[in-house]
Amino acid sequence: MTPNRESIVKVFGIAGSSGSGKTTLLDQLIPRFVAAGQRVAGIKHTHHGFDPDTPGKDSWRMRQGGCENVVLVGARHLTLMRHYPEDKPSPEIGEALAVLPPDTDLVMVEGYKWSDFPKLEIYRPANGKAPLWPEVPGVVAVATDAMDQVAGQTTLPVIDLADAEAIYRWIRDYLASH
C-alpha cells in the first residue's frame, strides 16, 4: 500500500473561530520554521467560493474550453488551477497535500478544522464563541489571550497567544515527538 501524503510530510493546523487571529499567528510561525531550515508549504481552506483566474485571459479560456487542470507559469510562480464541478464537494485535505512537492517538510494548514490532523486552536473567550476543542478532532493544544480562564477549562496544553516564540517551540517539539 502506498502511504498517503499525510504520513510522509508533517501536517499541522491552526484552527479557531473567524477573526481569532489564525492568519496573524501563521504570519509569525512560518518564518520561524523556515529560518530553522524547514521547507514549509501552506494550505488555506475556505468555504467561500473564489476564482484565482481572470475572465478572458488565456488560462481562463483553457478552463472554459474544458480543461480540468490548467497550470499557469510565470518567471517566479507556478499555479495549478483545478476545476471541480458544482456537484462535487470541496476537495479534501488529501487532495491538497497530493499536489505539493515531495521535498516539503512541513505543511501549515489554516482551515479543514474537521479533518483529523494535529492542530492548535486559537481561542479568545471575549469573542463569545464556544471553544472548538471539545468537538473538533485533532486539537492538541490551545493558544489564548485568557490564560487563567482557559487553563481551568481543558487538560490540553495552554499557551499564551501573545508569545509566538513559545507557540513555535511547542509546535516544533510536538512535531519532533510525533
N, C-alpha and C. Protein backbone atom coordinates (compact mmCIF):
# COMPACT_ATOMS: atom_id res chain seq x y z
N MET A 1 0.83 -1.18 0.00
CA MET A 1 0.00 0.00 0.00
C MET A 1 0.88 1.24 0.00
N THR A 2 0.56 2.21 -0.83
CA THR A 2 1.31 3.45 -0.90
C THR A 2 0.84 4.38 0.22
N PRO A 3 1.79 4.90 1.01
CA PRO A 3 1.36 5.81 2.08
C PRO A 3 0.81 7.10 1.49
N ASN A 4 -0.14 7.70 2.21
CA ASN A 4 -0.67 8.98 1.73
C ASN A 4 0.26 10.11 2.17
N ARG A 5 0.06 11.31 1.59
CA ARG A 5 0.93 12.45 1.89
C ARG A 5 0.93 12.78 3.38
N GLU A 6 -0.18 12.56 4.05
CA GLU A 6 -0.25 12.91 5.46
C GLU A 6 0.72 12.09 6.29
N SER A 7 1.09 10.89 5.83
CA SER A 7 2.02 10.07 6.60
C SER A 7 3.47 10.34 6.19
N ILE A 8 3.69 11.06 5.10
CA ILE A 8 5.04 11.34 4.63
C ILE A 8 5.53 12.69 5.14
N VAL A 9 4.69 13.68 5.09
CA VAL A 9 5.05 15.04 5.47
C VAL A 9 4.35 15.38 6.78
N LYS A 10 4.98 16.22 7.57
CA LYS A 10 4.34 16.68 8.81
C LYS A 10 3.26 17.70 8.45
N VAL A 11 2.09 17.52 9.01
CA VAL A 11 0.96 18.42 8.77
C VAL A 11 0.52 18.94 10.13
N PHE A 12 0.39 20.27 10.23
CA PHE A 12 -0.05 20.86 11.48
C PHE A 12 -0.97 22.03 11.15
N GLY A 13 -2.08 22.12 11.88
CA GLY A 13 -3.07 23.14 11.59
C GLY A 13 -3.24 24.17 12.68
N ILE A 14 -3.75 25.31 12.25
CA ILE A 14 -4.16 26.37 13.16
C ILE A 14 -5.66 26.51 12.96
N ALA A 15 -6.43 26.33 14.03
CA ALA A 15 -7.88 26.37 13.96
C ALA A 15 -8.39 27.46 14.90
N GLY A 16 -9.60 27.89 14.66
CA GLY A 16 -10.21 28.88 15.52
C GLY A 16 -11.38 29.52 14.82
N SER A 17 -12.14 30.25 15.57
CA SER A 17 -13.28 30.96 15.02
C SER A 17 -12.80 32.07 14.10
N SER A 18 -13.68 32.51 13.23
CA SER A 18 -13.37 33.63 12.34
C SER A 18 -12.97 34.84 13.17
N GLY A 19 -11.90 35.49 12.78
CA GLY A 19 -11.44 36.68 13.48
C GLY A 19 -10.60 36.41 14.71
N SER A 20 -10.25 35.15 14.97
CA SER A 20 -9.48 34.83 16.18
C SER A 20 -7.99 35.13 16.04
N GLY A 21 -7.50 35.26 14.81
CA GLY A 21 -6.08 35.57 14.63
C GLY A 21 -5.27 34.44 14.01
N LYS A 22 -5.93 33.54 13.31
CA LYS A 22 -5.22 32.40 12.71
C LYS A 22 -4.14 32.84 11.72
N THR A 23 -4.50 33.71 10.80
CA THR A 23 -3.54 34.15 9.78
C THR A 23 -2.42 34.96 10.42
N THR A 24 -2.75 35.80 11.38
CA THR A 24 -1.72 36.58 12.07
C THR A 24 -0.71 35.67 12.75
N LEU A 25 -1.20 34.61 13.40
CA LEU A 25 -0.28 33.67 14.04
C LEU A 25 0.57 32.94 13.00
N LEU A 26 -0.04 32.49 11.92
CA LEU A 26 0.73 31.83 10.86
C LEU A 26 1.80 32.75 10.31
N ASP A 27 1.49 34.05 10.18
CA ASP A 27 2.48 35.03 9.72
C ASP A 27 3.70 35.06 10.63
N GLN A 28 3.51 34.73 11.89
CA GLN A 28 4.62 34.72 12.86
C GLN A 28 5.31 33.37 12.93
N LEU A 29 4.58 32.29 12.70
CA LEU A 29 5.15 30.95 12.83
C LEU A 29 5.94 30.50 11.60
N ILE A 30 5.39 30.73 10.42
CA ILE A 30 6.02 30.22 9.20
C ILE A 30 7.46 30.69 9.06
N PRO A 31 7.77 31.99 9.24
CA PRO A 31 9.17 32.40 9.11
C PRO A 31 10.10 31.72 10.12
N ARG A 32 9.60 31.37 11.28
CA ARG A 32 10.43 30.68 12.27
C ARG A 32 10.78 29.27 11.80
N PHE A 33 9.80 28.56 11.24
CA PHE A 33 10.09 27.22 10.71
C PHE A 33 11.05 27.30 9.52
N VAL A 34 10.84 28.29 8.66
CA VAL A 34 11.73 28.46 7.51
C VAL A 34 13.16 28.78 7.98
N ALA A 35 13.28 29.67 8.96
CA ALA A 35 14.61 30.03 9.49
C ALA A 35 15.30 28.82 10.12
N ALA A 36 14.52 27.85 10.58
CA ALA A 36 15.08 26.63 11.18
C ALA A 36 15.42 25.59 10.11
N GLY A 37 15.28 25.97 8.83
CA GLY A 37 15.67 25.07 7.75
C GLY A 37 14.56 24.19 7.20
N GLN A 38 13.34 24.41 7.62
CA GLN A 38 12.21 23.61 7.14
C GLN A 38 11.72 24.15 5.78
N ARG A 39 11.35 23.23 4.91
CA ARG A 39 10.69 23.60 3.65
C ARG A 39 9.19 23.54 3.95
N VAL A 40 8.59 24.71 4.06
CA VAL A 40 7.22 24.84 4.54
C VAL A 40 6.28 25.14 3.38
N ALA A 41 5.14 24.48 3.38
CA ALA A 41 4.05 24.78 2.46
C ALA A 41 2.85 25.19 3.29
N GLY A 42 1.98 25.96 2.69
CA GLY A 42 0.77 26.39 3.37
C GLY A 42 -0.47 25.95 2.60
N ILE A 43 -1.48 25.57 3.34
CA ILE A 43 -2.78 25.27 2.75
C ILE A 43 -3.81 26.11 3.49
N LYS A 44 -4.57 26.88 2.72
CA LYS A 44 -5.65 27.69 3.28
C LYS A 44 -6.95 27.19 2.68
N HIS A 45 -7.83 26.69 3.53
CA HIS A 45 -9.13 26.20 3.07
C HIS A 45 -10.19 27.24 3.41
N THR A 46 -11.00 27.56 2.44
CA THR A 46 -12.09 28.50 2.65
C THR A 46 -13.39 27.89 2.16
N HIS A 47 -14.45 28.20 2.84
CA HIS A 47 -15.76 27.72 2.41
C HIS A 47 -16.38 28.67 1.40
N HIS A 48 -15.77 29.84 1.26
CA HIS A 48 -16.26 30.83 0.31
C HIS A 48 -15.73 30.49 -1.08
N GLY A 49 -16.54 30.65 -2.08
CA GLY A 49 -16.08 30.40 -3.43
C GLY A 49 -15.08 31.47 -3.86
N PHE A 50 -14.16 31.10 -4.72
CA PHE A 50 -13.23 32.06 -5.28
C PHE A 50 -12.75 31.52 -6.62
N ASP A 51 -12.27 32.42 -7.45
CA ASP A 51 -11.70 32.04 -8.74
C ASP A 51 -10.42 32.83 -8.91
N PRO A 52 -9.27 32.16 -8.90
CA PRO A 52 -7.99 32.88 -8.99
C PRO A 52 -7.68 33.38 -10.40
N ASP A 53 -8.50 33.00 -11.35
CA ASP A 53 -8.24 33.35 -12.74
C ASP A 53 -8.97 34.63 -13.13
N THR A 54 -8.59 35.19 -14.27
CA THR A 54 -9.18 36.42 -14.77
C THR A 54 -9.99 36.11 -16.03
N PRO A 55 -11.29 36.39 -16.00
CA PRO A 55 -12.09 36.12 -17.20
C PRO A 55 -11.48 36.77 -18.45
N GLY A 56 -11.46 35.98 -19.52
CA GLY A 56 -10.93 36.45 -20.79
C GLY A 56 -9.47 36.14 -21.03
N LYS A 57 -8.70 35.89 -19.96
CA LYS A 57 -7.28 35.56 -20.11
C LYS A 57 -7.14 34.15 -20.67
N ASP A 58 -5.94 33.84 -21.20
CA ASP A 58 -5.71 32.55 -21.86
C ASP A 58 -6.02 31.37 -20.95
N SER A 59 -5.54 31.42 -19.70
CA SER A 59 -5.77 30.30 -18.79
C SER A 59 -7.27 30.13 -18.49
N TRP A 60 -7.97 31.22 -18.36
CA TRP A 60 -9.41 31.17 -18.15
C TRP A 60 -10.10 30.54 -19.35
N ARG A 61 -9.64 30.92 -20.55
CA ARG A 61 -10.22 30.36 -21.77
C ARG A 61 -9.95 28.87 -21.88
N MET A 62 -8.80 28.42 -21.42
CA MET A 62 -8.49 26.98 -21.41
C MET A 62 -9.49 26.24 -20.52
N ARG A 63 -9.77 26.79 -19.34
CA ARG A 63 -10.74 26.17 -18.44
C ARG A 63 -12.13 26.20 -19.05
N GLN A 64 -12.51 27.32 -19.65
CA GLN A 64 -13.81 27.42 -20.30
C GLN A 64 -13.94 26.40 -21.43
N GLY A 65 -12.82 26.07 -22.06
CA GLY A 65 -12.82 25.10 -23.14
C GLY A 65 -12.94 23.66 -22.66
N GLY A 66 -12.78 23.44 -21.36
CA GLY A 66 -12.97 22.11 -20.82
C GLY A 66 -11.80 21.53 -20.05
N CYS A 67 -10.68 22.24 -19.98
CA CYS A 67 -9.55 21.72 -19.19
C CYS A 67 -9.93 21.65 -17.71
N GLU A 68 -9.74 20.49 -17.11
CA GLU A 68 -9.98 20.36 -15.67
C GLU A 68 -8.81 20.92 -14.88
N ASN A 69 -7.61 20.88 -15.46
CA ASN A 69 -6.41 21.38 -14.81
C ASN A 69 -5.70 22.34 -15.76
N VAL A 70 -5.33 23.50 -15.24
CA VAL A 70 -4.55 24.47 -16.00
C VAL A 70 -3.39 24.89 -15.10
N VAL A 71 -2.18 24.84 -15.63
CA VAL A 71 -1.01 25.30 -14.89
C VAL A 71 -0.58 26.62 -15.51
N LEU A 72 -0.57 27.64 -14.69
CA LEU A 72 -0.15 28.97 -15.10
C LEU A 72 1.27 29.18 -14.59
N VAL A 73 2.21 29.43 -15.50
CA VAL A 73 3.62 29.55 -15.14
C VAL A 73 4.13 30.93 -15.53
N GLY A 74 4.79 31.58 -14.60
CA GLY A 74 5.45 32.86 -14.84
C GLY A 74 6.91 32.76 -14.44
N ALA A 75 7.60 33.86 -14.46
CA ALA A 75 9.03 33.86 -14.18
C ALA A 75 9.38 33.28 -12.80
N ARG A 76 8.53 33.51 -11.80
CA ARG A 76 8.86 33.06 -10.45
C ARG A 76 7.70 32.35 -9.77
N HIS A 77 6.65 31.97 -10.52
CA HIS A 77 5.49 31.32 -9.91
C HIS A 77 4.94 30.24 -10.81
N LEU A 78 4.36 29.25 -10.18
CA LEU A 78 3.63 28.20 -10.87
C LEU A 78 2.35 27.98 -10.09
N THR A 79 1.23 28.06 -10.76
CA THR A 79 -0.06 27.90 -10.10
C THR A 79 -0.85 26.82 -10.81
N LEU A 80 -1.32 25.85 -10.06
CA LEU A 80 -2.21 24.82 -10.59
C LEU A 80 -3.64 25.24 -10.28
N MET A 81 -4.45 25.34 -11.30
CA MET A 81 -5.86 25.62 -11.11
C MET A 81 -6.62 24.38 -11.54
N ARG A 82 -7.23 23.74 -10.58
CA ARG A 82 -8.01 22.53 -10.84
C ARG A 82 -9.48 22.88 -10.64
N HIS A 83 -10.26 22.61 -11.64
CA HIS A 83 -11.68 22.93 -11.59
C HIS A 83 -12.48 21.73 -11.10
N TYR A 84 -13.37 21.97 -10.16
CA TYR A 84 -14.27 20.94 -9.65
C TYR A 84 -15.69 21.32 -10.03
N PRO A 85 -16.44 20.38 -10.57
CA PRO A 85 -17.83 20.68 -10.95
C PRO A 85 -18.66 21.08 -9.73
N GLU A 86 -19.73 21.81 -9.99
CA GLU A 86 -20.62 22.28 -8.92
C GLU A 86 -21.16 21.15 -8.06
N ASP A 87 -21.36 19.97 -8.67
CA ASP A 87 -21.97 18.86 -7.93
C ASP A 87 -20.95 18.04 -7.14
N LYS A 88 -19.68 18.42 -7.18
CA LYS A 88 -18.65 17.70 -6.42
C LYS A 88 -18.33 18.50 -5.15
N PRO A 89 -18.18 17.80 -4.03
CA PRO A 89 -17.85 18.53 -2.79
C PRO A 89 -16.45 19.15 -2.87
N SER A 90 -16.22 20.07 -1.98
CA SER A 90 -14.91 20.73 -1.89
C SER A 90 -13.82 19.68 -1.71
N PRO A 91 -12.65 19.87 -2.34
CA PRO A 91 -11.57 18.90 -2.19
C PRO A 91 -11.17 18.69 -0.73
N GLU A 92 -10.88 17.45 -0.39
CA GLU A 92 -10.41 17.12 0.96
C GLU A 92 -8.94 17.49 1.08
N ILE A 93 -8.44 17.50 2.30
CA ILE A 93 -7.06 17.90 2.52
C ILE A 93 -6.07 16.98 1.80
N GLY A 94 -6.39 15.71 1.67
CA GLY A 94 -5.50 14.79 0.95
C GLY A 94 -5.25 15.21 -0.48
N GLU A 95 -6.27 15.77 -1.13
CA GLU A 95 -6.11 16.25 -2.50
C GLU A 95 -5.18 17.46 -2.54
N ALA A 96 -5.27 18.32 -1.56
CA ALA A 96 -4.38 19.49 -1.50
C ALA A 96 -2.95 19.05 -1.20
N LEU A 97 -2.78 18.09 -0.30
CA LEU A 97 -1.44 17.60 0.02
C LEU A 97 -0.79 16.91 -1.18
N ALA A 98 -1.60 16.25 -1.99
CA ALA A 98 -1.07 15.48 -3.12
C ALA A 98 -0.40 16.34 -4.17
N VAL A 99 -0.73 17.61 -4.25
CA VAL A 99 -0.11 18.46 -5.28
C VAL A 99 1.15 19.16 -4.79
N LEU A 100 1.51 18.97 -3.53
CA LEU A 100 2.71 19.62 -3.00
C LEU A 100 3.97 18.87 -3.42
N PRO A 101 5.09 19.58 -3.54
CA PRO A 101 6.35 18.92 -3.90
C PRO A 101 6.75 17.88 -2.86
N PRO A 102 7.40 16.80 -3.29
CA PRO A 102 7.76 15.73 -2.36
C PRO A 102 8.83 16.14 -1.33
N ASP A 103 9.53 17.24 -1.55
CA ASP A 103 10.57 17.65 -0.60
C ASP A 103 10.04 18.59 0.48
N THR A 104 8.72 18.70 0.59
CA THR A 104 8.12 19.53 1.63
C THR A 104 8.31 18.87 2.99
N ASP A 105 8.78 19.64 3.97
CA ASP A 105 8.98 19.12 5.32
C ASP A 105 7.75 19.30 6.20
N LEU A 106 7.10 20.43 6.05
CA LEU A 106 6.00 20.79 6.95
C LEU A 106 4.92 21.52 6.16
N VAL A 107 3.68 21.14 6.41
CA VAL A 107 2.54 21.84 5.83
C VAL A 107 1.76 22.48 6.97
N MET A 108 1.66 23.81 6.91
CA MET A 108 0.87 24.54 7.89
C MET A 108 -0.50 24.77 7.26
N VAL A 109 -1.55 24.38 7.98
CA VAL A 109 -2.91 24.41 7.44
C VAL A 109 -3.76 25.38 8.23
N GLU A 110 -4.46 26.24 7.49
CA GLU A 110 -5.50 27.07 8.09
C GLU A 110 -6.81 26.62 7.46
N GLY A 111 -7.69 26.11 8.28
CA GLY A 111 -8.93 25.55 7.77
C GLY A 111 -8.91 24.04 7.91
N TYR A 112 -9.84 23.39 7.24
CA TYR A 112 -10.01 21.93 7.35
C TYR A 112 -10.11 21.51 8.82
N LYS A 113 -10.79 22.32 9.62
CA LYS A 113 -10.83 22.03 11.06
C LYS A 113 -11.44 20.68 11.38
N TRP A 114 -12.33 20.16 10.54
CA TRP A 114 -12.97 18.88 10.85
C TRP A 114 -12.13 17.70 10.39
N SER A 115 -11.02 17.94 9.71
CA SER A 115 -10.12 16.86 9.33
C SER A 115 -9.27 16.48 10.53
N ASP A 116 -8.95 15.21 10.63
CA ASP A 116 -8.25 14.71 11.81
C ASP A 116 -6.73 14.73 11.61
N PHE A 117 -6.13 15.87 11.82
CA PHE A 117 -4.69 16.02 11.88
C PHE A 117 -4.42 16.95 13.06
N PRO A 118 -3.21 16.97 13.60
CA PRO A 118 -2.97 17.79 14.79
C PRO A 118 -3.10 19.28 14.48
N LYS A 119 -3.73 19.98 15.44
CA LYS A 119 -3.90 21.41 15.26
C LYS A 119 -3.91 22.13 16.61
N LEU A 120 -3.53 23.37 16.56
CA LEU A 120 -3.58 24.26 17.70
C LEU A 120 -4.81 25.14 17.52
N GLU A 121 -5.61 25.25 18.56
CA GLU A 121 -6.77 26.14 18.50
C GLU A 121 -6.41 27.49 19.08
N ILE A 122 -6.76 28.54 18.35
CA ILE A 122 -6.71 29.88 18.91
C ILE A 122 -8.09 30.14 19.50
N TYR A 123 -8.12 30.38 20.80
CA TYR A 123 -9.40 30.58 21.47
C TYR A 123 -9.36 31.89 22.26
N ARG A 124 -10.28 32.77 21.92
CA ARG A 124 -10.43 34.05 22.60
C ARG A 124 -11.83 34.10 23.22
N PRO A 125 -11.95 33.84 24.52
CA PRO A 125 -13.27 33.82 25.16
C PRO A 125 -14.06 35.11 24.95
N ALA A 126 -13.38 36.25 24.85
CA ALA A 126 -14.07 37.53 24.69
C ALA A 126 -14.83 37.62 23.36
N ASN A 127 -14.49 36.75 22.40
CA ASN A 127 -15.22 36.74 21.13
C ASN A 127 -16.62 36.16 21.27
N GLY A 128 -16.89 35.51 22.40
CA GLY A 128 -18.22 34.99 22.66
C GLY A 128 -18.56 33.70 21.95
N LYS A 129 -17.57 33.03 21.39
CA LYS A 129 -17.82 31.77 20.69
C LYS A 129 -17.29 30.61 21.53
N ALA A 130 -17.96 29.47 21.40
CA ALA A 130 -17.55 28.28 22.16
C ALA A 130 -16.20 27.77 21.65
N PRO A 131 -15.43 27.15 22.53
CA PRO A 131 -14.17 26.56 22.08
C PRO A 131 -14.43 25.39 21.13
N LEU A 132 -13.48 25.14 20.27
CA LEU A 132 -13.58 24.03 19.32
C LEU A 132 -13.14 22.71 19.93
N TRP A 133 -12.18 22.74 20.87
CA TRP A 133 -11.53 21.51 21.32
C TRP A 133 -12.45 20.41 21.81
N PRO A 134 -13.62 20.72 22.39
CA PRO A 134 -14.46 19.60 22.81
C PRO A 134 -15.02 18.77 21.66
N GLU A 135 -15.15 19.37 20.47
CA GLU A 135 -15.80 18.69 19.36
C GLU A 135 -14.91 18.46 18.14
N VAL A 136 -13.97 19.33 17.90
CA VAL A 136 -13.16 19.26 16.68
C VAL A 136 -12.03 18.26 16.87
N PRO A 137 -11.88 17.31 15.93
CA PRO A 137 -10.83 16.30 16.08
C PRO A 137 -9.43 16.90 15.89
N GLY A 138 -8.49 16.37 16.62
CA GLY A 138 -7.08 16.72 16.40
C GLY A 138 -6.57 17.91 17.15
N VAL A 139 -7.40 18.62 17.92
CA VAL A 139 -6.88 19.76 18.67
C VAL A 139 -5.97 19.22 19.78
N VAL A 140 -4.69 19.62 19.73
CA VAL A 140 -3.71 19.09 20.67
C VAL A 140 -3.22 20.14 21.66
N ALA A 141 -3.56 21.41 21.42
CA ALA A 141 -3.16 22.50 22.32
C ALA A 141 -4.03 23.71 22.01
N VAL A 142 -4.01 24.67 22.95
CA VAL A 142 -4.80 25.88 22.82
C VAL A 142 -3.90 27.08 23.05
N ALA A 143 -3.98 28.06 22.16
CA ALA A 143 -3.32 29.35 22.37
C ALA A 143 -4.42 30.36 22.66
N THR A 144 -4.24 31.16 23.70
CA THR A 144 -5.31 32.05 24.13
C THR A 144 -4.76 33.34 24.71
N ASP A 145 -5.63 34.34 24.75
CA ASP A 145 -5.31 35.61 25.40
C ASP A 145 -5.94 35.67 26.80
N ALA A 146 -6.45 34.54 27.28
CA ALA A 146 -7.07 34.45 28.60
C ALA A 146 -6.55 33.19 29.31
N MET A 147 -5.26 33.19 29.59
CA MET A 147 -4.58 32.00 30.12
C MET A 147 -5.27 31.41 31.36
N ASP A 148 -5.50 32.23 32.37
CA ASP A 148 -6.07 31.71 33.63
C ASP A 148 -7.45 31.10 33.41
N GLN A 149 -8.27 31.77 32.63
CA GLN A 149 -9.63 31.29 32.38
C GLN A 149 -9.62 29.98 31.61
N VAL A 150 -8.82 29.89 30.57
CA VAL A 150 -8.83 28.72 29.69
C VAL A 150 -8.13 27.53 30.34
N ALA A 151 -7.07 27.76 31.08
CA ALA A 151 -6.34 26.67 31.72
C ALA A 151 -7.25 25.84 32.63
N GLY A 152 -8.25 26.46 33.21
CA GLY A 152 -9.17 25.74 34.07
C GLY A 152 -10.27 25.00 33.32
N GLN A 153 -10.34 25.19 32.00
CA GLN A 153 -11.41 24.57 31.21
C GLN A 153 -10.97 23.33 30.44
N THR A 154 -9.68 23.10 30.33
CA THR A 154 -9.19 22.00 29.50
C THR A 154 -7.94 21.36 30.10
N THR A 155 -7.73 20.12 29.75
CA THR A 155 -6.50 19.43 30.15
C THR A 155 -5.43 19.54 29.06
N LEU A 156 -5.78 20.16 27.94
CA LEU A 156 -4.80 20.36 26.86
C LEU A 156 -3.76 21.39 27.28
N PRO A 157 -2.58 21.34 26.69
CA PRO A 157 -1.60 22.41 26.95
C PRO A 157 -2.19 23.76 26.52
N VAL A 158 -1.98 24.77 27.34
CA VAL A 158 -2.48 26.12 27.05
C VAL A 158 -1.27 27.04 26.97
N ILE A 159 -1.19 27.79 25.87
CA ILE A 159 -0.04 28.65 25.58
C ILE A 159 -0.53 30.08 25.40
N ASP A 160 0.27 31.03 25.86
CA ASP A 160 -0.07 32.44 25.74
C ASP A 160 -0.04 32.85 24.27
N LEU A 161 -1.16 33.31 23.75
CA LEU A 161 -1.27 33.71 22.35
C LEU A 161 -0.32 34.85 22.00
N ALA A 162 0.04 35.67 22.98
CA ALA A 162 0.94 36.80 22.72
C ALA A 162 2.40 36.36 22.59
N ASP A 163 2.70 35.10 22.88
CA ASP A 163 4.09 34.61 22.84
C ASP A 163 4.29 33.68 21.65
N ALA A 164 4.48 34.26 20.47
CA ALA A 164 4.63 33.47 19.24
C ALA A 164 5.84 32.54 19.32
N GLU A 165 6.89 32.96 19.99
CA GLU A 165 8.08 32.12 20.11
C GLU A 165 7.77 30.87 20.93
N ALA A 166 7.01 31.00 22.01
CA ALA A 166 6.62 29.84 22.82
C ALA A 166 5.71 28.91 22.02
N ILE A 167 4.82 29.47 21.24
CA ILE A 167 3.94 28.65 20.40
C ILE A 167 4.77 27.90 19.37
N TYR A 168 5.70 28.59 18.73
CA TYR A 168 6.59 27.94 17.76
C TYR A 168 7.34 26.78 18.41
N ARG A 169 7.95 27.02 19.56
CA ARG A 169 8.72 25.97 20.25
C ARG A 169 7.82 24.79 20.60
N TRP A 170 6.59 25.06 21.06
CA TRP A 170 5.69 23.97 21.43
C TRP A 170 5.35 23.13 20.19
N ILE A 171 5.00 23.78 19.09
CA ILE A 171 4.67 23.04 17.86
C ILE A 171 5.90 22.28 17.36
N ARG A 172 7.06 22.92 17.36
CA ARG A 172 8.30 22.26 16.92
C ARG A 172 8.55 21.00 17.75
N ASP A 173 8.44 21.10 19.05
CA ASP A 173 8.67 19.95 19.92
C ASP A 173 7.60 18.88 19.72
N TYR A 174 6.36 19.29 19.55
CA TYR A 174 5.28 18.34 19.30
C TYR A 174 5.56 17.56 18.03
N LEU A 175 5.90 18.25 16.96
CA LEU A 175 6.16 17.59 15.69
C LEU A 175 7.37 16.66 15.77
N ALA A 176 8.37 17.03 16.53
CA ALA A 176 9.56 16.20 16.68
C ALA A 176 9.25 14.91 17.42
N SER A 177 8.23 14.94 18.28
CA SER A 177 7.92 13.74 19.08
C SER A 177 6.79 12.90 18.50
N HIS A 178 6.23 13.31 17.38
CA HIS A 178 5.12 12.57 16.76
C HIS A 178 5.42 12.24 15.33
